[in-house]
């Protein structure tokens, strides 16, 4: 599939014991950090450290990191500080209909 230009993401990273094993074994392009670690990132040092760790390991392995549930500017600011590659959530853009993309 990659030969056809498809790229792949390892979703919900960090929530299962096998997340790191999958990161080593699967040929994914992105590590999508589970929102459970992101939603209080601006006020919770443990979540900040977890997101930074996942981002750093992913980038070390040549993967881009994506954070789910970025719901406000304070979280987005912390993610920029960490050096995260991509963010998704209402703090970035409100959901729109697919028809509105064209």
PDB file of N, CA and C in Angstrom:
ATOM      1  N   UNK A   1       0.823  -1.197   0.000  1.00  0.00           N
ATOM      2  CA  UNK A   1       0.000   0.000   0.000  1.00  0.00           C
ATOM      3  C   UNK A   1       0.866   1.260   0.000  1.00  0.00           C
ATOM      4  N   UNK A   2       1.999   1.213   0.700  1.00  0.00           N
ATOM      5  CA  UNK A   2       2.879   2.387   0.709  1.00  0.00           C
ATOM      6  C   UNK A   2       3.397   2.701  -0.689  1.00  0.00           C
ATOM      7  N   UNK A   3       3.577   1.669  -1.511  1.00  0.00           N
ATOM      8  CA  UNK A   3       4.028   1.884  -2.886  1.00  0.00           C
ATOM      9  C   UNK A   3       3.009   2.684  -3.689  1.00  0.00           C
ATOM     10  N   UNK A   4       1.757   2.678  -3.267  1.00  0.00           N
ATOM     11  CA  UNK A   4       0.700   3.437  -3.920  1.00  0.00           C
ATOM     12  C   UNK A   4       0.514   4.824  -3.303  1.00  0.00           C
ATOM     13  N   UNK A   5       1.374   5.170  -2.340  1.00  0.00           N
ATOM     14  CA  UNK A   5       1.310   6.494  -1.737  1.00  0.00           C
ATOM     15  C   UNK A   5       0.514   6.569  -0.449  1.00  0.00           C
ATOM     16  N   UNK A   6       0.044   5.434   0.050  1.00  0.00           N
ATOM     17  CA  UNK A   6      -0.707   5.438   1.311  1.00  0.00           C
ATOM     18  C   UNK A   6       0.249   5.618   2.485  1.00  0.00           C
ATOM     19  N   UNK A   7      -0.223   6.324   3.502  1.00  0.00           N
ATOM     20  CA  UNK A   7       0.540   6.467   4.738  1.00  0.00           C
ATOM     21  C   UNK A   7      -0.324   5.960   5.873  1.00  0.00           C
ATOM     22  N   UNK A   8       0.318   5.511   6.946  1.00  0.00           N
ATOM     23  CA  UNK A   8      -0.394   4.843   8.023  1.00  0.00           C
ATOM     24  C   UNK A   8      -0.078   5.469   9.368  1.00  0.00           C
ATOM     25  N   UNK A   9      -1.075   5.390  10.262  1.00  0.00           N
ATOM     26  CA  UNK A   9      -0.951   5.945  11.601  1.00  0.00           C
ATOM     27  C   UNK A   9      -1.187   4.856  12.634  1.00  0.00           C
ATOM     28  N   UNK A  10      -0.406   4.888  13.714  1.00  0.00           N
ATOM     29  CA  UNK A  10      -0.632   4.022  14.865  1.00  0.00           C
ATOM     30  C   UNK A  10      -1.512   4.824  15.811  1.00  0.00           C
ATOM     31  N   UNK A  11      -2.799   4.475  15.869  1.00  0.00           N
ATOM     32  CA  UNK A  11      -3.813   5.258  16.590  1.00  0.00           C
ATOM     33  C   UNK A  11      -3.836   4.900  18.072  1.00  0.00           C
ATOM     34  N   UNK A  12      -4.315   5.837  18.889  1.00  0.00           N
ATOM     35  CA  UNK A  12      -4.497   5.654  20.337  1.00  0.00           C
ATOM     36  C   UNK A  12      -3.214   5.229  21.026  1.00  0.00           C
ATOM     37  N   UNK A  13      -2.092   5.781  20.601  1.00  0.00           N
ATOM     38  CA  UNK A  13      -0.807   5.379  21.153  1.00  0.00           C
ATOM     39  C   UNK A  13      -0.726   5.711  22.635  1.00  0.00           C
ATOM     40  N   UNK A  14      -0.186   4.780  23.398  1.00  0.00           N
ATOM     41  CA  UNK A  14       0.040   4.967  24.823  1.00  0.00           C
ATOM     42  C   UNK A  14      -0.998   4.334  25.712  1.00  0.00           C
ATOM     43  N   UNK A  15      -2.119   3.894  25.161  1.00  0.00           N
ATOM     44  CA  UNK A  15      -3.175   3.358  26.015  1.00  0.00           C
ATOM     45  C   UNK A  15      -3.076   1.860  26.232  1.00  0.00           C
ATOM     46  N   UNK A  16      -2.275   1.179  25.454  1.00  0.00           N
ATOM     47  CA  UNK A  16      -2.130  -0.269  25.627  1.00  0.00           C
ATOM     48  C   UNK A  16      -0.695  -0.656  25.905  1.00  0.00           C
ATOM     49  N   UNK A  17      -0.500  -1.797  26.529  1.00  0.00           N
ATOM     50  CA  UNK A  17       0.845  -2.258  26.864  1.00  0.00           C
ATOM     51  C   UNK A  17       1.694  -2.492  25.632  1.00  0.00           C
ATOM     52  N   UNK A  18       1.066  -2.806  24.522  1.00  0.00           N
ATOM     53  CA  UNK A  18       1.831  -3.167  23.333  1.00  0.00           C
ATOM     54  C   UNK A  18       2.108  -1.988  22.408  1.00  0.00           C
ATOM     55  N   UNK A  19       1.764  -0.772  22.800  1.00  0.00           N
ATOM     56  CA  UNK A  19       1.958   0.389  21.933  1.00  0.00           C
ATOM     57  C   UNK A  19       3.399   0.523  21.457  1.00  0.00           C
ATOM     58  N   UNK A  20       4.353   0.425  22.373  1.00  0.00           N
ATOM     59  CA  UNK A  20       5.753   0.585  21.985  1.00  0.00           C
ATOM     60  C   UNK A  20       6.226  -0.557  21.103  1.00  0.00           C
ATOM     61  N   UNK A  21       5.770  -1.750  21.387  1.00  0.00           N
ATOM     62  CA  UNK A  21       6.118  -2.893  20.543  1.00  0.00           C
ATOM     63  C   UNK A  21       5.591  -2.688  19.127  1.00  0.00           C
ATOM     64  N   UNK A  22       4.360  -2.199  18.999  1.00  0.00           N
ATOM     65  CA  UNK A  22       3.798  -1.913  17.676  1.00  0.00           C
ATOM     66  C   UNK A  22       4.606  -0.839  16.962  1.00  0.00           C
ATOM     67  N   UNK A  23       5.057   0.148  17.710  1.00  0.00           N
ATOM     68  CA  UNK A  23       5.834   1.228  17.113  1.00  0.00           C
ATOM     69  C   UNK A  23       7.118   0.692  16.485  1.00  0.00           C
ATOM     70  N   UNK A  24       7.743  -0.281  17.122  1.00  0.00           N
ATOM     71  CA  UNK A  24       8.972  -0.877  16.580  1.00  0.00           C
ATOM     72  C   UNK A  24       8.678  -1.764  15.379  1.00  0.00           C
ATOM     73  N   UNK A  25       7.567  -2.507  15.435  1.00  0.00           N
ATOM     74  CA  UNK A  25       7.317  -3.561  14.456  1.00  0.00           C
ATOM     75  C   UNK A  25       6.551  -3.115  13.217  1.00  0.00           C
ATOM     76  N   UNK A  26       5.659  -2.153  13.359  1.00  0.00           N
ATOM     77  CA  UNK A  26       4.807  -1.760  12.240  1.00  0.00           C
ATOM     78  C   UNK A  26       5.428  -0.609  11.453  1.00  0.00           C
ATOM     79  N   UNK A  27       5.247  -0.653  10.170  1.00  0.00           N
ATOM     80  CA  UNK A  27       5.783   0.397   9.301  1.00  0.00           C
ATOM     81  C   UNK A  27       4.752   1.518   9.181  1.00  0.00           C
ATOM     82  N   UNK A  28       4.635   2.301  10.250  1.00  0.00           N
ATOM     83  CA  UNK A  28       3.679   3.409  10.264  1.00  0.00           C
ATOM     84  C   UNK A  28       4.428   4.719  10.044  1.00  0.00           C
ATOM     85  N   UNK A  29       3.703   5.726   9.599  1.00  0.00           N
ATOM     86  CA  UNK A  29       4.271   7.040   9.345  1.00  0.00           C
ATOM     87  C   UNK A  29       3.996   8.016  10.479  1.00  0.00           C
ATOM     88  N   UNK A  30       2.915   7.776  11.210  1.00  0.00           N
ATOM     89  CA  UNK A  30       2.459   8.684  12.252  1.00  0.00           C
ATOM     90  C   UNK A  30       2.191   7.938  13.546  1.00  0.00           C
ATOM     91  N   UNK A  31       2.425   8.618  14.661  1.00  0.00           N
ATOM     92  CA  UNK A  31       2.026   8.143  15.980  1.00  0.00           C
ATOM     93  C   UNK A  31       0.939   9.090  16.451  1.00  0.00           C
ATOM     94  N   UNK A  32      -0.270   8.564  16.621  1.00  0.00           N
ATOM     95  CA  UNK A  32      -1.401   9.404  17.019  1.00  0.00           C
ATOM     96  C   UNK A  32      -1.599   9.240  18.526  1.00  0.00           C
ATOM     97  N   UNK A  33      -1.251  10.276  19.272  1.00  0.00           N
ATOM     98  CA  UNK A  33      -1.270  10.232  20.732  1.00  0.00           C
ATOM     99  C   UNK A  33      -2.694  10.314  21.234  1.00  0.00           C
ATOM    100  N   UNK A  34      -3.072   9.346  22.054  1.00  0.00           N
ATOM    101  CA  UNK A  34      -4.437   9.268  22.559  1.00  0.00           C
ATOM    102  C   UNK A  34      -4.811  10.530  23.335  1.00  0.00           C
ATOM    103  N   UNK A  35      -6.035  10.974  23.140  1.00  0.00           N
ATOM    104  CA  UNK A  35      -6.542  12.189  23.768  1.00  0.00           C
ATOM    105  C   UNK A  35      -6.556  12.158  25.281  1.00  0.00           C
ATOM    106  N   UNK A  36      -6.533  10.983  25.883  1.00  0.00           N
ATOM    107  CA  UNK A  36      -6.521  10.888  27.343  1.00  0.00           C
ATOM    108  C   UNK A  36      -5.281  11.578  27.919  1.00  0.00           C
ATOM    109  N   UNK A  37      -4.189  11.632  27.161  1.00  0.00           N
ATOM    110  CA  UNK A  37      -2.967  12.296  27.601  1.00  0.00           C
ATOM    111  C   UNK A  37      -2.932  13.768  27.207  1.00  0.00           C
ATOM    112  N   UNK A  38      -3.795  14.169  26.294  1.00  0.00           N
ATOM    113  CA  UNK A  38      -3.738  15.517  25.723  1.00  0.00           C
ATOM    114  C   UNK A  38      -4.733  16.461  26.379  1.00  0.00           C
ATOM    115  N   UNK A  39      -5.895  15.971  26.775  1.00  0.00           N
ATOM    116  CA  UNK A  39      -6.989  16.853  27.185  1.00  0.00           C
ATOM    117  C   UNK A  39      -6.699  17.707  28.414  1.00  0.00           C
ATOM    118  N   UNK A  40      -5.739  17.334  29.256  1.00  0.00           N
ATOM    119  CA  UNK A  40      -5.357  18.150  30.414  1.00  0.00           C
ATOM    120  C   UNK A  40      -3.875  18.504  30.378  1.00  0.00           C
ATOM    121  N   UNK A  41      -3.297  18.447  29.207  1.00  0.00           N
ATOM    122  CA  UNK A  41      -1.870  18.673  29.020  1.00  0.00           C
ATOM    123  C   UNK A  41      -1.394  20.007  29.582  1.00  0.00           C
ATOM    124  N   UNK A  42      -2.230  21.030  29.480  1.00  0.00           N
ATOM    125  CA  UNK A  42      -1.843  22.370  29.925  1.00  0.00           C
ATOM    126  C   UNK A  42      -1.815  22.524  31.444  1.00  0.00           C
ATOM    127  N   UNK A  43      -2.417  21.576  32.174  1.00  0.00           N
ATOM    128  CA  UNK A  43      -2.477  21.690  33.633  1.00  0.00           C
ATOM    129  C   UNK A  43      -1.919  20.476  34.365  1.00  0.00           C
ATOM    130  N   UNK A  44      -1.525  19.445  33.652  1.00  0.00           N
ATOM    131  CA  UNK A  44      -1.093  18.198  34.275  1.00  0.00           C
ATOM    132  C   UNK A  44       0.326  17.853  33.813  1.00  0.00           C
ATOM    133  N   UNK A  45       1.293  17.961  34.711  1.00  0.00           N
ATOM    134  CA  UNK A  45       2.693  17.720  34.358  1.00  0.00           C
ATOM    135  C   UNK A  45       2.945  16.280  33.909  1.00  0.00           C
ATOM    136  N   UNK A  46       2.222  15.326  34.463  1.00  0.00           N
ATOM    137  CA  UNK A  46       2.387  13.924  34.067  1.00  0.00           C
ATOM    138  C   UNK A  46       1.966  13.735  32.617  1.00  0.00           C
ATOM    139  N   UNK A  47       0.846  14.332  32.227  1.00  0.00           N
ATOM    140  CA  UNK A  47       0.392  14.240  30.839  1.00  0.00           C
ATOM    141  C   UNK A  47       1.369  14.947  29.900  1.00  0.00           C
ATOM    142  N   UNK A  48       1.881  16.092  30.326  1.00  0.00           N
ATOM    143  CA  UNK A  48       2.866  16.816  29.525  1.00  0.00           C
ATOM    144  C   UNK A  48       4.087  15.926  29.267  1.00  0.00           C
ATOM    145  N   UNK A  49       4.592  15.291  30.327  1.00  0.00           N
ATOM    146  CA  UNK A  49       5.769  14.426  30.204  1.00  0.00           C
ATOM    147  C   UNK A  49       5.485  13.237  29.289  1.00  0.00           C
ATOM    148  N   UNK A  50       4.293  12.659  29.399  1.00  0.00           N
ATOM    149  CA  UNK A  50       3.935  11.502  28.573  1.00  0.00           C
ATOM    150  C   UNK A  50       3.881  11.903  27.093  1.00  0.00           C
ATOM    151  N   UNK A  51       3.243  13.012  26.791  1.00  0.00           N
ATOM    152  CA  UNK A  51       3.137  13.471  25.401  1.00  0.00           C
ATOM    153  C   UNK A  51       4.520  13.817  24.849  1.00  0.00           C
ATOM    154  N   UNK A  52       5.352  14.459  25.658  1.00  0.00           N
ATOM    155  CA  UNK A  52       6.710  14.783  25.220  1.00  0.00           C
ATOM    156  C   UNK A  52       7.503  13.510  24.942  1.00  0.00           C
ATOM    157  N   UNK A  53       7.393  12.535  25.813  1.00  0.00           N
ATOM    158  CA  UNK A  53       8.102  11.265  25.642  1.00  0.00           C
ATOM    159  C   UNK A  53       7.669  10.561  24.360  1.00  0.00           C
ATOM    160  N   UNK A  54       6.368  10.451  24.150  1.00  0.00           N
ATOM    161  CA  UNK A  54       5.843   9.783  22.953  1.00  0.00           C
ATOM    162  C   UNK A  54       6.288  10.536  21.699  1.00  0.00           C
ATOM    163  N   UNK A  55       6.216  11.866  21.746  1.00  0.00           N
ATOM    164  CA  UNK A  55       6.631  12.681  20.602  1.00  0.00           C
ATOM    165  C   UNK A  55       8.112  12.468  20.303  1.00  0.00           C
ATOM    166  N   UNK A  56       8.932  12.521  21.339  1.00  0.00           N
ATOM    167  CA  UNK A  56      10.380  12.364  21.160  1.00  0.00           C
ATOM    168  C   UNK A  56      10.739  10.992  20.605  1.00  0.00           C
ATOM    169  N   UNK A  57      10.150   9.937  21.131  1.00  0.00           N
ATOM    170  CA  UNK A  57      10.440   8.584  20.651  1.00  0.00           C
ATOM    171  C   UNK A  57       9.974   8.421  19.210  1.00  0.00           C
ATOM    172  N   UNK A  58       8.773   8.901  18.920  1.00  0.00           N
ATOM    173  CA  UNK A  58       8.263   8.810  17.553  1.00  0.00           C
ATOM    174  C   UNK A  58       9.169   9.526  16.567  1.00  0.00           C
ATOM    175  N   UNK A  59       9.574  10.741  16.910  1.00  0.00           N
ATOM    176  CA  UNK A  59      10.424  11.514  16.012  1.00  0.00           C
ATOM    177  C   UNK A  59      11.807  10.883  15.868  1.00  0.00           C
ATOM    178  N   UNK A  60      12.325  10.300  16.941  1.00  0.00           N
ATOM    179  CA  UNK A  60      13.598   9.599  16.875  1.00  0.00           C
ATOM    180  C   UNK A  60      13.547   8.450  15.865  1.00  0.00           C
ATOM    181  N   UNK A  61      12.380   7.819  15.772  1.00  0.00           N
ATOM    182  CA  UNK A  61      12.187   6.707  14.845  1.00  0.00           C
ATOM    183  C   UNK A  61      11.720   7.161  13.462  1.00  0.00           C
ATOM    184  N   UNK A  62      11.670   8.471  13.244  1.00  0.00           N
ATOM    185  CA  UNK A  62      11.275   8.995  11.939  1.00  0.00           C
ATOM    186  C   UNK A  62       9.782   9.069  11.719  1.00  0.00           C
ATOM    187  N   UNK A  63       9.012   9.017  12.797  1.00  0.00           N
ATOM    188  CA  UNK A  63       7.551   9.108  12.710  1.00  0.00           C
ATOM    189  C   UNK A  63       7.110  10.526  13.066  1.00  0.00           C
ATOM    190  N   UNK A  64       6.038  10.987  12.468  1.00  0.00           N
ATOM    191  CA  UNK A  64       5.424  12.257  12.835  1.00  0.00           C
ATOM    192  C   UNK A  64       4.412  11.983  13.948  1.00  0.00           C
ATOM    193  N   UNK A  65       4.289  12.912  14.891  1.00  0.00           N
ATOM    194  CA  UNK A  65       3.374  12.745  16.014  1.00  0.00           C
ATOM    195  C   UNK A  65       2.142  13.633  15.830  1.00  0.00           C
ATOM    196  N   UNK A  66       0.981  13.058  16.158  1.00  0.00           N
ATOM    197  CA  UNK A  66      -0.308  13.750  16.067  1.00  0.00           C
ATOM    198  C   UNK A  66      -0.980  13.671  17.445  1.00  0.00           C
ATOM    199  N   UNK A  67      -1.474  14.781  17.946  1.00  0.00           N
ATOM    200  CA  UNK A  67      -2.214  14.787  19.212  1.00  0.00           C
ATOM    201  C   UNK A  67      -3.705  14.894  18.931  1.00  0.00           C
ATOM    202  N   UNK A  68      -4.477  14.024  19.575  1.00  0.00           N
ATOM    203  CA  UNK A  68      -5.943  14.087  19.518  1.00  0.00           C
ATOM    204  C   UNK A  68      -6.450  15.015  20.621  1.00  0.00           C
ATOM    205  N   UNK A  69      -7.676  15.476  20.492  1.00  0.00           N
ATOM    206  CA  UNK A  69      -8.396  16.227  21.534  1.00  0.00           C
ATOM    207  C   UNK A  69      -7.701  17.532  21.934  1.00  0.00           C
ATOM    208  N   UNK A  70      -7.188  18.260  20.967  1.00  0.00           N
ATOM    209  CA  UNK A  70      -6.616  19.577  21.242  1.00  0.00           C
ATOM    210  C   UNK A  70      -7.783  20.549  21.246  1.00  0.00           C
ATOM    211  N   UNK A  71      -8.264  20.870  22.433  1.00  0.00           N
ATOM    212  CA  UNK A  71      -9.529  21.588  22.561  1.00  0.00           C
ATOM    213  C   UNK A  71      -9.391  23.079  22.857  1.00  0.00           C
ATOM    214  N   UNK A  72      -8.173  23.572  23.088  1.00  0.00           N
ATOM    215  CA  UNK A  72      -8.041  25.007  23.356  1.00  0.00           C
ATOM    216  C   UNK A  72      -6.627  25.491  23.042  1.00  0.00           C
ATOM    217  N   UNK A  73      -6.463  26.799  23.054  1.00  0.00           N
ATOM    218  CA  UNK A  73      -5.194  27.404  22.724  1.00  0.00           C
ATOM    219  C   UNK A  73      -4.080  27.099  23.714  1.00  0.00           C
ATOM    220  N   UNK A  74      -4.434  26.912  24.988  1.00  0.00           N
ATOM    221  CA  UNK A  74      -3.422  26.606  25.999  1.00  0.00           C
ATOM    222  C   UNK A  74      -2.780  25.248  25.725  1.00  0.00           C
ATOM    223  N   UNK A  75      -3.590  24.270  25.344  1.00  0.00           N
ATOM    224  CA  UNK A  75      -3.063  22.944  24.995  1.00  0.00           C
ATOM    225  C   UNK A  75      -2.217  23.050  23.735  1.00  0.00           C
ATOM    226  N   UNK A  76      -2.709  23.761  22.746  1.00  0.00           N
ATOM    227  CA  UNK A  76      -1.969  23.924  21.491  1.00  0.00           C
ATOM    228  C   UNK A  76      -0.612  24.585  21.741  1.00  0.00           C
ATOM    229  N   UNK A  77      -0.573  25.563  22.621  1.00  0.00           N
ATOM    230  CA  UNK A  77       0.675  26.236  22.963  1.00  0.00           C
ATOM    231  C   UNK A  77       1.674  25.264  23.584  1.00  0.00           C
ATOM    232  N   UNK A  78       1.204  24.424  24.502  1.00  0.00           N
ATOM    233  CA  UNK A  78       2.079  23.417  25.130  1.00  0.00           C
ATOM    234  C   UNK A  78       2.591  22.417  24.096  1.00  0.00           C
ATOM    235  N   UNK A  79       1.752  22.033  23.150  1.00  0.00           N
ATOM    236  CA  UNK A  79       2.168  21.097  22.105  1.00  0.00           C
ATOM    237  C   UNK A  79       3.238  21.720  21.207  1.00  0.00           C
ATOM    238  N   UNK A  80       3.106  23.006  20.917  1.00  0.00           N
ATOM    239  CA  UNK A  80       4.135  23.713  20.158  1.00  0.00           C
ATOM    240  C   UNK A  80       5.450  23.724  20.922  1.00  0.00           C
ATOM    241  N   UNK A  81       5.362  23.932  22.227  1.00  0.00           N
ATOM    242  CA  UNK A  81       6.539  23.927  23.103  1.00  0.00           C
ATOM    243  C   UNK A  81       7.250  22.570  23.050  1.00  0.00           C
ATOM    244  N   UNK A  82       6.478  21.502  23.030  1.00  0.00           N
ATOM    245  CA  UNK A  82       7.009  20.140  22.975  1.00  0.00           C
ATOM    246  C   UNK A  82       7.651  19.854  21.625  1.00  0.00           C
ATOM    247  N   UNK A  83       7.123  20.460  20.574  1.00  0.00           N
ATOM    248  CA  UNK A  83       7.626  20.209  19.227  1.00  0.00           C
ATOM    249  C   UNK A  83       6.799  19.190  18.468  1.00  0.00           C
ATOM    250  N   UNK A  84       5.543  19.049  18.860  1.00  0.00           N
ATOM    251  CA  UNK A  84       4.631  18.124  18.193  1.00  0.00           C
ATOM    252  C   UNK A  84       4.445  18.521  16.732  1.00  0.00           C
ATOM    253  N   UNK A  85       4.252  17.529  15.874  1.00  0.00           N
ATOM    254  CA  UNK A  85       4.126  17.785  14.439  1.00  0.00           C
ATOM    255  C   UNK A  85       2.724  18.214  14.022  1.00  0.00           C
ATOM    256  N   UNK A  86       1.692  17.516  14.512  1.00  0.00           N
ATOM    257  CA  UNK A  86       0.312  17.778  14.082  1.00  0.00           C
ATOM    258  C   UNK A  86      -0.630  17.725  15.282  1.00  0.00           C
ATOM    259  N   UNK A  87      -1.730  18.466  15.167  1.00  0.00           N
ATOM    260  CA  UNK A  87      -2.752  18.480  16.211  1.00  0.00           C
ATOM    261  C   UNK A  87      -4.131  18.424  15.565  1.00  0.00           C
ATOM    262  N   UNK A  88      -5.059  17.780  16.253  1.00  0.00           N
ATOM    263  CA  UNK A  88      -6.444  17.767  15.790  1.00  0.00           C
ATOM    264  C   UNK A  88      -7.359  18.005  16.977  1.00  0.00           C
ATOM    265  N   UNK A  89      -8.426  18.730  16.718  1.00  0.00           N
ATOM    266  CA  UNK A  89      -9.401  19.007  17.767  1.00  0.00           C
ATOM    267  C   UNK A  89     -10.006  20.383  17.578  1.00  0.00           C
ATOM    268  N   UNK A  90     -10.980  20.690  18.401  1.00  0.00           N
ATOM    269  CA  UNK A  90     -11.706  21.949  18.289  1.00  0.00           C
ATOM    270  C   UNK A  90     -10.829  23.166  18.534  1.00  0.00           C
ATOM    271  N   UNK A  91      -9.714  23.011  19.249  1.00  0.00           N
ATOM    272  CA  UNK A  91      -8.790  24.111  19.476  1.00  0.00           C
ATOM    273  C   UNK A  91      -7.995  24.472  18.235  1.00  0.00           C
ATOM    274  N   UNK A  92      -8.029  23.597  17.240  1.00  0.00           N
ATOM    275  CA  UNK A  92      -7.335  23.836  15.973  1.00  0.00           C
ATOM    276  C   UNK A  92      -8.346  24.295  14.929  1.00  0.00           C
ATOM    277  N   UNK A  93      -9.411  23.531  14.798  1.00  0.00           N
ATOM    278  CA  UNK A  93     -10.470  23.837  13.829  1.00  0.00           C
ATOM    279  C   UNK A  93     -11.730  23.093  14.243  1.00  0.00           C
ATOM    280  N   UNK A  94     -12.848  23.774  14.161  1.00  0.00           N
ATOM    281  CA  UNK A  94     -14.132  23.125  14.430  1.00  0.00           C
ATOM    282  C   UNK A  94     -14.445  22.135  13.311  1.00  0.00           C
ATOM    283  N   UNK A  95     -15.135  21.045  13.617  1.00  0.00           N
ATOM    284  CA  UNK A  95     -15.493  20.086  12.568  1.00  0.00           C
ATOM    285  C   UNK A  95     -16.357  20.728  11.473  1.00  0.00           C
ATOM    286  N   UNK A  96     -16.112  20.310  10.252  1.00  0.00           N
ATOM    287  CA  UNK A  96     -16.925  20.785   9.130  1.00  0.00           C
ATOM    288  C   UNK A  96     -17.358  19.586   8.295  1.00  0.00           C
ATOM    289  N   UNK A  97     -18.370  19.790   7.475  1.00  0.00           N
ATOM    290  CA  UNK A  97     -18.830  18.744   6.579  1.00  0.00           C
ATOM    291  C   UNK A  97     -17.804  18.490   5.475  1.00  0.00           C
ATOM    292  N   UNK A  98     -17.691  17.277   5.019  1.00  0.00           N
ATOM    293  CA  UNK A  98     -16.761  16.955   3.942  1.00  0.00           C
ATOM    294  C   UNK A  98     -17.026  17.791   2.693  1.00  0.00           C
ATOM    295  N   UNK A  99     -18.279  18.082   2.414  1.00  0.00           N
ATOM    296  CA  UNK A  99     -18.639  18.874   1.248  1.00  0.00           C
ATOM    297  C   UNK A  99     -18.055  20.283   1.320  1.00  0.00           C
ATOM    298  N   UNK A 100     -17.779  20.770   2.523  1.00  0.00           N
ATOM    299  CA  UNK A 100     -17.250  22.121   2.689  1.00  0.00           C
ATOM    300  C   UNK A 100     -15.746  22.196   2.394  1.00  0.00           C
ATOM    301  N   UNK A 101     -15.091  21.062   2.229  1.00  0.00           N
ATOM    302  CA  UNK A 101     -13.657  21.044   1.975  1.00  0.00           C
ATOM    303  C   UNK A 101     -13.314  21.408   0.543  1.00  0.00           C
ATOM    304  N   UNK A 102     -14.225  21.216  -0.380  1.00  0.00           N
ATOM    305  CA  UNK A 102     -13.910  21.471  -1.792  1.00  0.00           C
ATOM    306  C   UNK A 102     -14.014  22.897  -2.196  1.00  0.00           C
TER     307      UNK A 102
END
